[in-house]
Amino acid sequence: MKTLNILFGIVIGLALLFIISCERMLLIEPQKTVSITIDDAPAFIKNTQRMLEVLKKHDVSATFFAIGYYIDHDTLHLADSIAKYNTLANHTYTHPHLNLKSLSASYKDEILGNQIIIDSINRKYNKPLNKFFRAPYSAILDCQQDTLEMLGYHMSWWDSDASDWNPDISVNEIVNLHMAFIHNRDHTDMIFHLSDNSVLGLDSLLTIFEDEGIKVIDFK
């Protein structure tokens, strides 16, 4: 009987330890993660370069949604610089409002044409080919989106947008607007543009992420 009591006590003790361990695990919040996406490269050459420097400084990468026209006319080959250490993705060839004309009229030149450019650069650096696609101005009809998805494109939306394309939006506003989203989610897909304050805002945010243990992961 004494032996059984001892064994019973051991079992109860182990069960209690298991319960306490589970409760502690529930109290631990999962690590927050973010993905950084940047639109319109390399249209603004100086700030595309500055964005690349900020990402390198903080040892993180981003997904750049690139405009083919500016890749074709970029004598500095910034798209190559992007593809080496980041992800290069499709933002059309000339940045049109796709919703204002039929997809059949714009697909070949605007989307497929730019995809060929993106793929050729990614192949050069042995990067996995992707079909991430982001419509300029978010202007795309549901039927157009459905068709592109059937063609294998991944519509690339976001959670957090600080409207940083607007020069009247300050660095502090960019930081505060994004952090408000991030603090309410386990994962946040962020969108940036290429204004001066976009660059400064991203630099400030990455410093906060380092301080708060927020991890930057690849956009999916």
N, C-alpha and C. Protein backbone atom coordinates (compact mmCIF):
# COMPACT_ATOMS: atom_id res chain seq x y z
N MET A 1 0.83 -1.21 0.00
CA MET A 1 0.00 0.00 0.00
C MET A 1 0.87 1.26 0.00
N LYS A 2 1.95 1.21 0.82
CA LYS A 2 2.84 2.37 0.91
C LYS A 2 3.48 2.66 -0.46
N THR A 3 3.85 1.60 -1.16
CA THR A 3 4.46 1.75 -2.50
C THR A 3 3.47 2.37 -3.48
N LEU A 4 2.21 1.91 -3.39
CA LEU A 4 1.18 2.47 -4.28
C LEU A 4 0.96 3.95 -4.01
N ASN A 5 0.95 4.32 -2.73
CA ASN A 5 0.79 5.74 -2.38
C ASN A 5 1.92 6.59 -2.94
N ILE A 6 3.14 6.05 -2.87
CA ILE A 6 4.29 6.79 -3.40
C ILE A 6 4.15 6.97 -4.91
N LEU A 7 3.79 5.86 -5.59
CA LEU A 7 3.62 5.93 -7.05
C LEU A 7 2.51 6.90 -7.44
N PHE A 8 1.42 6.85 -6.65
CA PHE A 8 0.30 7.76 -6.90
C PHE A 8 0.75 9.21 -6.74
N GLY A 9 1.55 9.47 -5.72
CA GLY A 9 2.04 10.82 -5.48
C GLY A 9 2.94 11.30 -6.61
N ILE A 10 3.77 10.39 -7.12
CA ILE A 10 4.65 10.74 -8.25
C ILE A 10 3.84 11.10 -9.48
N VAL A 11 2.80 10.28 -9.77
CA VAL A 11 1.96 10.53 -10.94
C VAL A 11 1.25 11.87 -10.82
N ILE A 12 0.70 12.15 -9.63
CA ILE A 12 0.01 13.44 -9.41
C ILE A 12 0.99 14.59 -9.59
N GLY A 13 2.19 14.43 -9.04
CA GLY A 13 3.20 15.48 -9.16
C GLY A 13 3.58 15.76 -10.61
N LEU A 14 3.77 14.70 -11.40
CA LEU A 14 4.10 14.86 -12.81
C LEU A 14 2.96 15.52 -13.59
N ALA A 15 1.74 15.14 -13.22
CA ALA A 15 0.57 15.73 -13.89
C ALA A 15 0.50 17.23 -13.61
N LEU A 16 0.76 17.60 -12.36
CA LEU A 16 0.73 19.03 -11.99
C LEU A 16 1.82 19.81 -12.73
N LEU A 17 3.01 19.20 -12.82
CA LEU A 17 4.10 19.86 -13.55
C LEU A 17 3.73 20.05 -15.02
N PHE A 18 3.05 19.06 -15.61
CA PHE A 18 2.63 19.16 -17.01
C PHE A 18 1.62 20.28 -17.20
N ILE A 19 0.67 20.37 -16.26
CA ILE A 19 -0.37 21.41 -16.34
C ILE A 19 0.26 22.79 -16.23
N ILE A 20 1.18 22.95 -15.27
CA ILE A 20 1.84 24.24 -15.08
C ILE A 20 2.64 24.63 -16.31
N SER A 21 3.33 23.64 -16.90
CA SER A 21 4.12 23.90 -18.11
C SER A 21 3.23 24.35 -19.25
N CYS A 22 2.08 23.71 -19.42
CA CYS A 22 1.14 24.08 -20.49
C CYS A 22 0.62 25.49 -20.29
N GLU A 23 0.30 25.83 -19.04
CA GLU A 23 -0.23 27.16 -18.75
C GLU A 23 0.81 28.23 -19.07
N ARG A 24 2.06 27.95 -18.74
CA ARG A 24 3.12 28.90 -19.05
C ARG A 24 3.28 29.09 -20.55
N MET A 25 3.15 27.99 -21.29
CA MET A 25 3.26 28.09 -22.75
C MET A 25 2.14 28.93 -23.32
N LEU A 26 0.97 28.84 -22.74
CA LEU A 26 -0.16 29.63 -23.22
C LEU A 26 0.05 31.12 -22.95
N LEU A 27 0.78 31.43 -21.88
CA LEU A 27 1.02 32.82 -21.52
C LEU A 27 2.10 33.47 -22.38
N ILE A 28 2.94 32.65 -23.02
CA ILE A 28 4.01 33.18 -23.86
C ILE A 28 3.45 33.54 -25.23
N GLU A 29 3.55 34.82 -25.60
CA GLU A 29 3.04 35.24 -26.90
C GLU A 29 3.97 34.76 -28.01
N PRO A 30 3.41 34.34 -29.14
CA PRO A 30 4.27 33.94 -30.26
C PRO A 30 5.06 35.13 -30.78
N GLN A 31 6.25 34.89 -31.31
CA GLN A 31 7.06 35.97 -31.86
C GLN A 31 6.34 36.61 -33.04
N LYS A 32 6.25 37.92 -33.02
CA LYS A 32 5.62 38.63 -34.12
C LYS A 32 6.56 38.63 -35.33
N THR A 33 5.96 38.51 -36.51
CA THR A 33 6.72 38.54 -37.75
C THR A 33 6.13 39.56 -38.71
N VAL A 34 6.98 40.07 -39.59
CA VAL A 34 6.54 41.01 -40.63
C VAL A 34 7.21 40.63 -41.94
N SER A 35 6.57 40.98 -43.03
CA SER A 35 7.19 40.90 -44.36
C SER A 35 7.14 42.29 -44.97
N ILE A 36 8.25 42.66 -45.61
CA ILE A 36 8.38 44.00 -46.18
C ILE A 36 8.22 43.92 -47.69
N THR A 37 7.28 44.71 -48.22
CA THR A 37 7.15 44.83 -49.67
C THR A 37 7.31 46.30 -50.05
N ILE A 38 7.93 46.52 -51.20
CA ILE A 38 8.24 47.89 -51.64
C ILE A 38 7.80 48.03 -53.09
N ASP A 39 6.97 49.03 -53.36
CA ASP A 39 6.41 49.22 -54.70
C ASP A 39 7.21 50.24 -55.53
N ASP A 40 7.15 50.05 -56.86
CA ASP A 40 7.55 51.03 -57.87
C ASP A 40 9.03 51.07 -58.21
N ALA A 41 9.83 50.19 -57.65
CA ALA A 41 11.25 50.17 -58.04
C ALA A 41 11.38 49.77 -59.50
N PRO A 42 12.43 50.22 -60.18
CA PRO A 42 13.39 51.23 -59.75
C PRO A 42 13.06 52.62 -60.28
N ALA A 43 11.78 53.01 -60.18
CA ALA A 43 11.34 54.29 -60.74
C ALA A 43 12.06 55.46 -60.10
N PHE A 44 12.31 55.40 -58.81
CA PHE A 44 12.98 56.47 -58.09
C PHE A 44 14.37 55.96 -57.72
N ILE A 45 15.33 56.27 -58.58
CA ILE A 45 16.65 55.64 -58.50
C ILE A 45 17.33 55.89 -57.16
N LYS A 46 17.39 57.15 -56.75
CA LYS A 46 18.09 57.50 -55.51
C LYS A 46 17.50 56.76 -54.32
N ASN A 47 16.18 56.76 -54.22
CA ASN A 47 15.55 56.14 -53.05
C ASN A 47 15.51 54.62 -53.16
N THR A 48 15.54 54.08 -54.37
CA THR A 48 15.71 52.63 -54.50
C THR A 48 17.07 52.23 -53.93
N GLN A 49 18.10 52.99 -54.26
CA GLN A 49 19.43 52.73 -53.72
C GLN A 49 19.45 52.85 -52.20
N ARG A 50 18.79 53.88 -51.70
CA ARG A 50 18.76 54.09 -50.24
C ARG A 50 18.01 52.97 -49.53
N MET A 51 16.93 52.50 -50.14
CA MET A 51 16.19 51.38 -49.54
C MET A 51 17.08 50.14 -49.45
N LEU A 52 17.83 49.88 -50.52
CA LEU A 52 18.73 48.72 -50.51
C LEU A 52 19.78 48.86 -49.41
N GLU A 53 20.27 50.07 -49.21
CA GLU A 53 21.26 50.30 -48.15
C GLU A 53 20.66 50.07 -46.77
N VAL A 54 19.42 50.52 -46.56
CA VAL A 54 18.75 50.33 -45.27
C VAL A 54 18.55 48.84 -44.99
N LEU A 55 18.10 48.10 -45.99
CA LEU A 55 17.89 46.66 -45.82
C LEU A 55 19.21 45.95 -45.50
N LYS A 56 20.27 46.33 -46.20
CA LYS A 56 21.58 45.74 -45.94
C LYS A 56 22.08 46.08 -44.55
N LYS A 57 21.89 47.33 -44.13
CA LYS A 57 22.30 47.78 -42.80
C LYS A 57 21.68 46.92 -41.71
N HIS A 58 20.41 46.56 -41.89
CA HIS A 58 19.69 45.79 -40.86
C HIS A 58 19.70 44.28 -41.15
N ASP A 59 20.37 43.88 -42.22
CA ASP A 59 20.53 42.47 -42.57
C ASP A 59 19.17 41.77 -42.74
N VAL A 60 18.27 42.42 -43.49
CA VAL A 60 16.97 41.83 -43.81
C VAL A 60 16.74 41.99 -45.31
N SER A 61 15.74 41.31 -45.82
CA SER A 61 15.41 41.42 -47.24
C SER A 61 13.94 41.81 -47.40
N ALA A 62 13.60 42.22 -48.63
CA ALA A 62 12.24 42.66 -48.94
C ALA A 62 11.84 42.14 -50.31
N THR A 63 10.56 42.26 -50.62
CA THR A 63 10.06 41.96 -51.96
C THR A 63 9.77 43.28 -52.66
N PHE A 64 10.46 43.52 -53.77
CA PHE A 64 10.29 44.75 -54.54
C PHE A 64 9.37 44.47 -55.72
N PHE A 65 8.24 45.17 -55.77
CA PHE A 65 7.34 45.06 -56.92
C PHE A 65 7.79 46.10 -57.95
N ALA A 66 8.36 45.58 -59.05
CA ALA A 66 9.09 46.43 -59.98
C ALA A 66 8.30 46.74 -61.24
N ILE A 67 8.56 47.92 -61.80
CA ILE A 67 7.92 48.39 -63.03
C ILE A 67 8.90 48.17 -64.19
N GLY A 68 8.48 47.39 -65.17
CA GLY A 68 9.37 46.97 -66.24
C GLY A 68 9.96 48.11 -67.05
N TYR A 69 9.18 49.16 -67.31
CA TYR A 69 9.68 50.29 -68.10
C TYR A 69 10.94 50.86 -67.47
N TYR A 70 10.92 50.99 -66.15
CA TYR A 70 12.07 51.58 -65.47
C TYR A 70 13.25 50.61 -65.38
N ILE A 71 12.95 49.32 -65.38
CA ILE A 71 14.05 48.34 -65.47
C ILE A 71 14.74 48.48 -66.82
N ASP A 72 13.96 48.60 -67.90
CA ASP A 72 14.53 48.70 -69.23
C ASP A 72 15.34 49.99 -69.43
N HIS A 73 15.00 51.04 -68.67
CA HIS A 73 15.67 52.33 -68.84
C HIS A 73 16.60 52.67 -67.67
N ASP A 74 16.96 51.67 -66.90
CA ASP A 74 17.81 51.89 -65.71
C ASP A 74 19.26 51.56 -66.05
N THR A 75 20.05 52.61 -66.25
CA THR A 75 21.46 52.39 -66.61
C THR A 75 22.29 51.89 -65.44
N LEU A 76 21.77 52.00 -64.21
CA LEU A 76 22.51 51.53 -63.03
C LEU A 76 22.22 50.06 -62.72
N HIS A 77 21.28 49.48 -63.47
CA HIS A 77 20.94 48.06 -63.28
C HIS A 77 20.52 47.77 -61.82
N LEU A 78 19.67 48.62 -61.30
CA LEU A 78 19.23 48.46 -59.91
C LEU A 78 18.41 47.20 -59.72
N ALA A 79 17.70 46.77 -60.75
CA ALA A 79 16.92 45.53 -60.62
C ALA A 79 17.84 44.35 -60.33
N ASP A 80 19.03 44.38 -60.91
CA ASP A 80 20.01 43.33 -60.61
C ASP A 80 20.44 43.40 -59.15
N SER A 81 20.66 44.61 -58.66
CA SER A 81 21.05 44.80 -57.25
C SER A 81 19.95 44.31 -56.33
N ILE A 82 18.71 44.54 -56.72
CA ILE A 82 17.58 44.06 -55.92
C ILE A 82 17.55 42.54 -55.90
N ALA A 83 17.66 41.94 -57.08
CA ALA A 83 17.50 40.48 -57.19
C ALA A 83 18.60 39.71 -56.48
N LYS A 84 19.78 40.30 -56.34
CA LYS A 84 20.89 39.59 -55.68
C LYS A 84 20.53 39.22 -54.24
N TYR A 85 19.90 40.14 -53.53
CA TYR A 85 19.71 39.94 -52.09
C TYR A 85 18.25 40.01 -51.65
N ASN A 86 17.35 40.32 -52.58
CA ASN A 86 15.94 40.46 -52.25
C ASN A 86 15.11 39.70 -53.27
N THR A 87 13.81 39.92 -53.26
CA THR A 87 12.91 39.28 -54.22
C THR A 87 12.39 40.33 -55.18
N LEU A 88 12.48 40.05 -56.47
CA LEU A 88 11.98 40.94 -57.51
C LEU A 88 10.65 40.38 -58.01
N ALA A 89 9.62 41.23 -58.05
CA ALA A 89 8.28 40.75 -58.41
C ALA A 89 7.60 41.75 -59.36
N ASN A 90 6.42 41.39 -59.85
CA ASN A 90 5.76 42.05 -60.97
C ASN A 90 4.78 43.14 -60.54
N HIS A 91 5.02 44.37 -61.04
CA HIS A 91 4.13 45.50 -60.77
C HIS A 91 3.71 46.17 -62.09
N THR A 92 3.65 45.38 -63.16
CA THR A 92 3.31 45.77 -64.53
C THR A 92 4.47 46.50 -65.21
N TYR A 93 4.30 46.73 -66.50
CA TYR A 93 5.37 47.36 -67.28
C TYR A 93 5.34 48.89 -67.19
N THR A 94 4.14 49.50 -67.19
CA THR A 94 4.08 50.98 -67.17
C THR A 94 3.24 51.55 -66.03
N HIS A 95 2.75 50.71 -65.12
CA HIS A 95 1.98 51.17 -63.96
C HIS A 95 0.63 51.79 -64.35
N PRO A 96 -0.18 51.09 -65.14
CA PRO A 96 -1.47 51.64 -65.55
C PRO A 96 -2.59 51.27 -64.57
N HIS A 97 -3.75 51.89 -64.78
CA HIS A 97 -4.97 51.47 -64.09
C HIS A 97 -5.55 50.29 -64.88
N LEU A 98 -5.32 49.09 -64.41
CA LEU A 98 -5.77 47.91 -65.16
C LEU A 98 -7.29 47.83 -65.25
N ASN A 99 -7.98 48.41 -64.29
CA ASN A 99 -9.44 48.33 -64.28
C ASN A 99 -10.11 49.18 -65.36
N LEU A 100 -9.32 50.02 -66.04
CA LEU A 100 -9.90 50.91 -67.04
C LEU A 100 -9.91 50.32 -68.44
N LYS A 101 -9.31 49.14 -68.61
CA LYS A 101 -9.39 48.47 -69.91
C LYS A 101 -9.42 46.97 -69.70
N SER A 102 -9.74 46.25 -70.75
CA SER A 102 -9.88 44.81 -70.62
C SER A 102 -8.52 44.17 -70.36
N LEU A 103 -8.55 43.06 -69.64
CA LEU A 103 -7.30 42.35 -69.36
C LEU A 103 -6.67 41.83 -70.65
N SER A 104 -7.51 41.44 -71.61
CA SER A 104 -6.98 40.93 -72.88
C SER A 104 -6.18 42.00 -73.61
N ALA A 105 -6.54 43.28 -73.39
CA ALA A 105 -5.84 44.37 -74.06
C ALA A 105 -4.53 44.72 -73.37
N SER A 106 -4.39 44.39 -72.09
CA SER A 106 -3.20 44.81 -71.35
C SER A 106 -2.31 43.66 -70.90
N TYR A 107 -2.82 42.43 -70.95
CA TYR A 107 -2.07 41.31 -70.37
C TYR A 107 -0.71 41.11 -71.03
N LYS A 108 -0.68 41.06 -72.36
CA LYS A 108 0.57 40.70 -73.05
C LYS A 108 1.68 41.69 -72.75
N ASP A 109 1.41 42.96 -72.87
CA ASP A 109 2.47 43.97 -72.70
C ASP A 109 2.71 44.32 -71.24
N GLU A 110 1.64 44.48 -70.48
CA GLU A 110 1.79 44.98 -69.12
C GLU A 110 2.18 43.91 -68.10
N ILE A 111 1.60 42.74 -68.21
CA ILE A 111 1.80 41.72 -67.17
C ILE A 111 2.76 40.63 -67.65
N LEU A 112 2.43 39.99 -68.75
CA LEU A 112 3.31 38.94 -69.26
C LEU A 112 4.67 39.51 -69.65
N GLY A 113 4.65 40.66 -70.33
CA GLY A 113 5.91 41.27 -70.74
C GLY A 113 6.80 41.58 -69.55
N ASN A 114 6.21 42.10 -68.50
CA ASN A 114 7.00 42.41 -67.30
C ASN A 114 7.44 41.14 -66.59
N GLN A 115 6.59 40.11 -66.63
CA GLN A 115 6.97 38.84 -65.98
C GLN A 115 8.20 38.24 -66.66
N ILE A 116 8.28 38.37 -67.97
CA ILE A 116 9.44 37.86 -68.70
C ILE A 116 10.71 38.60 -68.26
N ILE A 117 10.60 39.91 -68.07
CA ILE A 117 11.74 40.71 -67.60
C ILE A 117 12.16 40.27 -66.20
N ILE A 118 11.17 40.14 -65.32
CA ILE A 118 11.44 39.74 -63.93
C ILE A 118 12.09 38.36 -63.89
N ASP A 119 11.54 37.43 -64.65
CA ASP A 119 12.06 36.06 -64.66
C ASP A 119 13.51 36.02 -65.16
N SER A 120 13.81 36.82 -66.17
CA SER A 120 15.16 36.78 -66.75
C SER A 120 16.19 37.27 -65.73
N ILE A 121 15.83 38.27 -64.94
CA ILE A 121 16.76 38.78 -63.92
C ILE A 121 16.89 37.78 -62.78
N ASN A 122 15.78 37.20 -62.36
CA ASN A 122 15.84 36.22 -61.27
C ASN A 122 16.67 34.99 -61.68
N ARG A 123 16.53 34.56 -62.93
CA ARG A 123 17.32 33.42 -63.41
C ARG A 123 18.82 33.73 -63.35
N LYS A 124 19.16 34.98 -63.65
CA LYS A 124 20.57 35.38 -63.67
C LYS A 124 21.24 35.14 -62.32
N TYR A 125 20.44 35.26 -61.24
CA TYR A 125 20.99 35.11 -59.89
C TYR A 125 20.50 33.82 -59.21
N ASN A 126 20.03 32.89 -60.05
CA ASN A 126 19.58 31.58 -59.55
C ASN A 126 18.52 31.70 -58.47
N LYS A 127 17.65 32.70 -58.62
CA LYS A 127 16.56 32.89 -57.68
C LYS A 127 15.34 32.09 -58.12
N PRO A 128 14.58 31.58 -57.16
CA PRO A 128 13.33 30.89 -57.54
C PRO A 128 12.41 31.84 -58.30
N LEU A 129 11.81 31.36 -59.36
CA LEU A 129 10.88 32.19 -60.10
C LEU A 129 9.58 32.33 -59.31
N ASN A 130 9.04 33.52 -59.30
CA ASN A 130 7.79 33.75 -58.58
C ASN A 130 6.80 34.44 -59.51
N LYS A 131 5.53 34.31 -59.18
CA LYS A 131 4.48 35.00 -59.94
C LYS A 131 3.67 35.91 -59.01
N PHE A 132 4.40 36.51 -58.05
CA PHE A 132 3.76 37.54 -57.23
C PHE A 132 3.37 38.70 -58.16
N PHE A 133 2.14 39.16 -58.01
CA PHE A 133 1.68 40.28 -58.84
C PHE A 133 0.92 41.27 -57.97
N ARG A 134 1.25 42.54 -58.14
CA ARG A 134 0.53 43.60 -57.44
C ARG A 134 0.05 44.63 -58.46
N ALA A 135 -1.25 44.85 -58.48
CA ALA A 135 -1.84 45.80 -59.42
C ALA A 135 -1.56 47.23 -58.98
N PRO A 136 -1.11 48.09 -59.88
CA PRO A 136 -0.92 49.51 -59.52
C PRO A 136 -2.20 50.13 -58.99
N TYR A 137 -2.06 50.95 -57.98
CA TYR A 137 -3.18 51.66 -57.35
C TYR A 137 -4.22 50.72 -56.76
N SER A 138 -3.91 49.43 -56.66
CA SER A 138 -4.89 48.40 -56.24
C SER A 138 -6.08 48.35 -57.19
N ALA A 139 -5.88 48.86 -58.40
CA ALA A 139 -6.99 49.02 -59.34
C ALA A 139 -7.09 47.80 -60.25
N ILE A 140 -7.86 46.84 -59.81
CA ILE A 140 -8.06 45.63 -60.60
C ILE A 140 -9.46 45.09 -60.33
N LEU A 141 -10.14 44.68 -61.39
CA LEU A 141 -11.49 44.14 -61.25
C LEU A 141 -11.44 42.70 -60.73
N ASP A 142 -12.51 42.29 -60.08
CA ASP A 142 -12.55 40.91 -59.56
C ASP A 142 -12.36 39.89 -60.67
N CYS A 143 -12.98 40.13 -61.82
CA CYS A 143 -12.87 39.17 -62.92
C CYS A 143 -11.44 39.13 -63.46
N GLN A 144 -10.75 40.27 -63.46
CA GLN A 144 -9.35 40.29 -63.89
C GLN A 144 -8.48 39.52 -62.90
N GLN A 145 -8.74 39.74 -61.64
CA GLN A 145 -7.99 39.02 -60.61
C GLN A 145 -8.21 37.52 -60.73
N ASP A 146 -9.45 37.11 -60.93
CA ASP A 146 -9.76 35.68 -61.07
C ASP A 146 -9.01 35.07 -62.25
N THR A 147 -8.96 35.81 -63.35
CA THR A 147 -8.27 35.30 -64.54
C THR A 147 -6.77 35.15 -64.28
N LEU A 148 -6.17 36.16 -63.66
CA LEU A 148 -4.73 36.10 -63.38
C LEU A 148 -4.40 34.96 -62.41
N GLU A 149 -5.28 34.73 -61.45
CA GLU A 149 -5.05 33.62 -60.52
C GLU A 149 -5.12 32.28 -61.26
N MET A 150 -6.03 32.17 -62.23
CA MET A 150 -6.10 30.94 -63.02
C MET A 150 -4.84 30.75 -63.86
N LEU A 151 -4.19 31.86 -64.20
CA LEU A 151 -2.94 31.81 -64.97
C LEU A 151 -1.72 31.61 -64.06
N GLY A 152 -1.97 31.45 -62.77
CA GLY A 152 -0.89 31.13 -61.85
C GLY A 152 -0.29 32.29 -61.11
N TYR A 153 -0.85 33.50 -61.28
CA TYR A 153 -0.33 34.65 -60.56
C TYR A 153 -0.86 34.68 -59.13
N HIS A 154 -0.04 35.17 -58.25
CA HIS A 154 -0.41 35.29 -56.83
C HIS A 154 -0.69 36.76 -56.53
N MET A 155 -1.97 37.10 -56.30
CA MET A 155 -2.31 38.48 -56.00
C MET A 155 -1.70 38.87 -54.65
N SER A 156 -0.90 39.90 -54.67
CA SER A 156 -0.05 40.20 -53.51
C SER A 156 -0.55 41.44 -52.78
N TRP A 157 -1.45 41.22 -51.86
CA TRP A 157 -2.02 42.30 -51.07
C TRP A 157 -1.19 42.52 -49.80
N TRP A 158 -1.66 43.37 -48.94
CA TRP A 158 -0.92 43.73 -47.73
C TRP A 158 -1.89 43.97 -46.59
N ASP A 159 -1.36 44.00 -45.37
CA ASP A 159 -2.18 44.30 -44.19
C ASP A 159 -2.00 45.76 -43.76
N SER A 160 -0.76 46.23 -43.83
CA SER A 160 -0.41 47.52 -43.22
C SER A 160 0.08 48.50 -44.27
N ASP A 161 -0.61 49.64 -44.37
CA ASP A 161 -0.28 50.66 -45.37
C ASP A 161 -0.32 52.02 -44.70
N ALA A 162 0.80 52.74 -44.73
CA ALA A 162 0.86 54.06 -44.09
C ALA A 162 0.74 55.19 -45.11
N SER A 163 0.36 54.87 -46.36
CA SER A 163 0.25 55.88 -47.43
C SER A 163 1.52 56.71 -47.54
N ASP A 164 2.67 56.03 -47.45
CA ASP A 164 3.94 56.75 -47.42
C ASP A 164 4.34 57.33 -48.77
N TRP A 165 3.57 57.03 -49.82
CA TRP A 165 3.78 57.68 -51.12
C TRP A 165 3.45 59.17 -51.05
N ASN A 166 2.65 59.53 -50.05
CA ASN A 166 2.21 60.91 -49.88
C ASN A 166 3.30 61.71 -49.15
N PRO A 167 3.87 62.75 -49.76
CA PRO A 167 4.95 63.50 -49.11
C PRO A 167 4.52 64.22 -47.83
N ASP A 168 3.20 64.36 -47.65
CA ASP A 168 2.71 65.01 -46.43
C ASP A 168 2.68 64.08 -45.23
N ILE A 169 2.89 62.79 -45.45
CA ILE A 169 2.92 61.82 -44.35
C ILE A 169 4.32 61.83 -43.74
N SER A 170 4.41 62.15 -42.45
CA SER A 170 5.71 62.28 -41.79
C SER A 170 6.30 60.91 -41.45
N VAL A 171 7.57 60.91 -41.11
CA VAL A 171 8.23 59.67 -40.69
C VAL A 171 7.55 59.09 -39.46
N ASN A 172 7.25 59.95 -38.49
CA ASN A 172 6.58 59.47 -37.27
C ASN A 172 5.23 58.85 -37.57
N GLU A 173 4.49 59.44 -38.50
CA GLU A 173 3.19 58.88 -38.87
C GLU A 173 3.36 57.52 -39.53
N ILE A 174 4.36 57.39 -40.39
CA ILE A 174 4.62 56.10 -41.04
C ILE A 174 4.91 55.04 -39.98
N VAL A 175 5.79 55.37 -39.05
CA VAL A 175 6.17 54.42 -37.99
C VAL A 175 4.96 54.07 -37.13
N ASN A 176 4.23 55.06 -36.69
CA ASN A 176 3.11 54.81 -35.77
C ASN A 176 1.97 54.04 -36.44
N LEU A 177 1.68 54.35 -37.69
CA LEU A 177 0.60 53.65 -38.39
C LEU A 177 0.95 52.17 -38.58
N HIS A 178 2.18 51.90 -38.98
CA HIS A 178 2.57 50.50 -39.16
C HIS A 178 2.60 49.75 -37.82
N MET A 179 3.14 50.38 -36.79
CA MET A 179 3.23 49.69 -35.50
C MET A 179 1.84 49.41 -34.92
N ALA A 180 0.88 50.27 -35.21
CA ALA A 180 -0.49 50.02 -34.74
C ALA A 180 -1.04 48.73 -35.34
N PHE A 181 -0.75 48.48 -36.61
CA PHE A 181 -1.15 47.23 -37.24
C PHE A 181 -0.39 46.05 -36.64
N ILE A 182 0.91 46.21 -36.53
CA ILE A 182 1.77 45.10 -36.10
C ILE A 182 1.43 44.63 -34.70
N HIS A 183 1.13 45.55 -33.80
CA HIS A 183 0.85 45.18 -32.41
C HIS A 183 -0.46 44.41 -32.26
N ASN A 184 -1.30 44.44 -33.29
CA ASN A 184 -2.58 43.74 -33.23
C ASN A 184 -2.60 42.43 -34.01
N ARG A 185 -1.44 42.00 -34.51
CA ARG A 185 -1.38 40.79 -35.34
C ARG A 185 -0.14 39.97 -34.99
N ASP A 186 -0.22 38.68 -35.27
CA ASP A 186 0.98 37.84 -35.14
C ASP A 186 1.90 38.07 -36.34
N HIS A 187 1.29 38.25 -37.54
CA HIS A 187 2.09 38.51 -38.74
C HIS A 187 1.47 39.66 -39.52
N THR A 188 2.32 40.51 -40.10
CA THR A 188 1.86 41.65 -40.87
C THR A 188 2.64 41.76 -42.18
N ASP A 189 1.92 41.85 -43.29
CA ASP A 189 2.54 42.16 -44.58
C ASP A 189 2.47 43.67 -44.77
N MET A 190 3.64 44.29 -44.89
CA MET A 190 3.73 45.75 -44.95
C MET A 190 4.00 46.21 -46.38
N ILE A 191 3.47 47.38 -46.72
CA ILE A 191 3.76 47.98 -48.02
C ILE A 191 4.45 49.32 -47.82
N PHE A 192 5.52 49.53 -48.60
CA PHE A 192 6.22 50.80 -48.62
C PHE A 192 6.33 51.27 -50.06
N HIS A 193 6.60 52.57 -50.20
CA HIS A 193 6.88 53.13 -51.52
C HIS A 193 8.28 53.72 -51.49
N LEU A 194 8.56 54.70 -52.31
CA LEU A 194 9.95 55.15 -52.45
C LEU A 194 10.09 56.66 -52.25
N SER A 195 9.32 57.21 -51.33
CA SER A 195 9.51 58.62 -50.97
C SER A 195 10.69 58.72 -50.00
N ASP A 196 11.15 59.94 -49.77
CA ASP A 196 12.23 60.14 -48.80
C ASP A 196 11.82 59.62 -47.43
N ASN A 197 10.58 59.92 -47.04
CA ASN A 197 10.12 59.49 -45.71
C ASN A 197 9.88 57.98 -45.64
N SER A 198 9.62 57.36 -46.79
CA SER A 198 9.51 55.90 -46.80
C SER A 198 10.82 55.27 -46.34
N VAL A 199 11.91 55.78 -46.86
CA VAL A 199 13.23 55.25 -46.52
C VAL A 199 13.52 55.46 -45.04
N LEU A 200 13.30 56.67 -44.56
CA LEU A 200 13.56 56.98 -43.15
C LEU A 200 12.63 56.19 -42.24
N GLY A 201 11.38 56.04 -42.67
CA GLY A 201 10.42 55.29 -41.87
C GLY A 201 10.79 53.84 -41.74
N LEU A 202 11.21 53.23 -42.85
CA LEU A 202 11.61 51.82 -42.80
C LEU A 202 12.83 51.64 -41.91
N ASP A 203 13.79 52.54 -42.02
CA ASP A 203 14.98 52.46 -41.18
C ASP A 203 14.60 52.51 -39.70
N SER A 204 13.71 53.43 -39.34
CA SER A 204 13.27 53.55 -37.94
C SER A 204 12.52 52.29 -37.49
N LEU A 205 11.65 51.78 -38.36
CA LEU A 205 10.88 50.58 -38.01
C LEU A 205 11.78 49.37 -37.80
N LEU A 206 12.78 49.21 -38.65
CA LEU A 206 13.67 48.06 -38.50
C LEU A 206 14.46 48.12 -37.19
N THR A 207 14.78 49.33 -36.75
CA THR A 207 15.43 49.48 -35.44
C THR A 207 14.48 49.06 -34.32
N ILE A 208 13.21 49.45 -34.43
CA ILE A 208 12.20 49.04 -33.44
C ILE A 208 12.04 47.52 -33.46
N PHE A 209 11.99 46.93 -34.64
CA PHE A 209 11.85 45.47 -34.73
C PHE A 209 12.99 44.77 -34.00
N GLU A 210 14.19 45.28 -34.18
CA GLU A 210 15.35 44.69 -33.49
C GLU A 210 15.21 44.80 -31.98
N ASP A 211 14.74 45.95 -31.52
CA ASP A 211 14.58 46.17 -30.08
C ASP A 211 13.46 45.31 -29.49
N GLU A 212 12.40 45.10 -30.26
CA GLU A 212 11.23 44.38 -29.75
C GLU A 212 11.21 42.90 -30.13
N GLY A 213 12.21 42.44 -30.83
CA GLY A 213 12.26 41.02 -31.21
C GLY A 213 11.27 40.64 -32.28
N ILE A 214 10.88 41.59 -33.13
CA ILE A 214 9.98 41.32 -34.25
C ILE A 214 10.82 40.84 -35.43
N LYS A 215 10.47 39.70 -35.98
CA LYS A 215 11.29 39.06 -37.01
C LYS A 215 10.79 39.39 -38.41
N VAL A 216 11.71 39.75 -39.30
CA VAL A 216 11.38 39.99 -40.70
C VAL A 216 11.54 38.68 -41.47
N ILE A 217 10.48 38.25 -42.14
CA ILE A 217 10.52 37.01 -42.92
C ILE A 217 10.15 37.31 -44.37
N ASP A 218 10.38 36.34 -45.23
CA ASP A 218 10.07 36.52 -46.66
C ASP A 218 8.56 36.65 -46.88
N PHE A 219 8.21 37.49 -47.84
CA PHE A 219 6.81 37.64 -48.23
C PHE A 219 6.34 36.36 -48.92
N LYS A 220 5.15 35.91 -48.54
CA LYS A 220 4.60 34.68 -49.13
C LYS A 220 3.25 34.93 -49.79
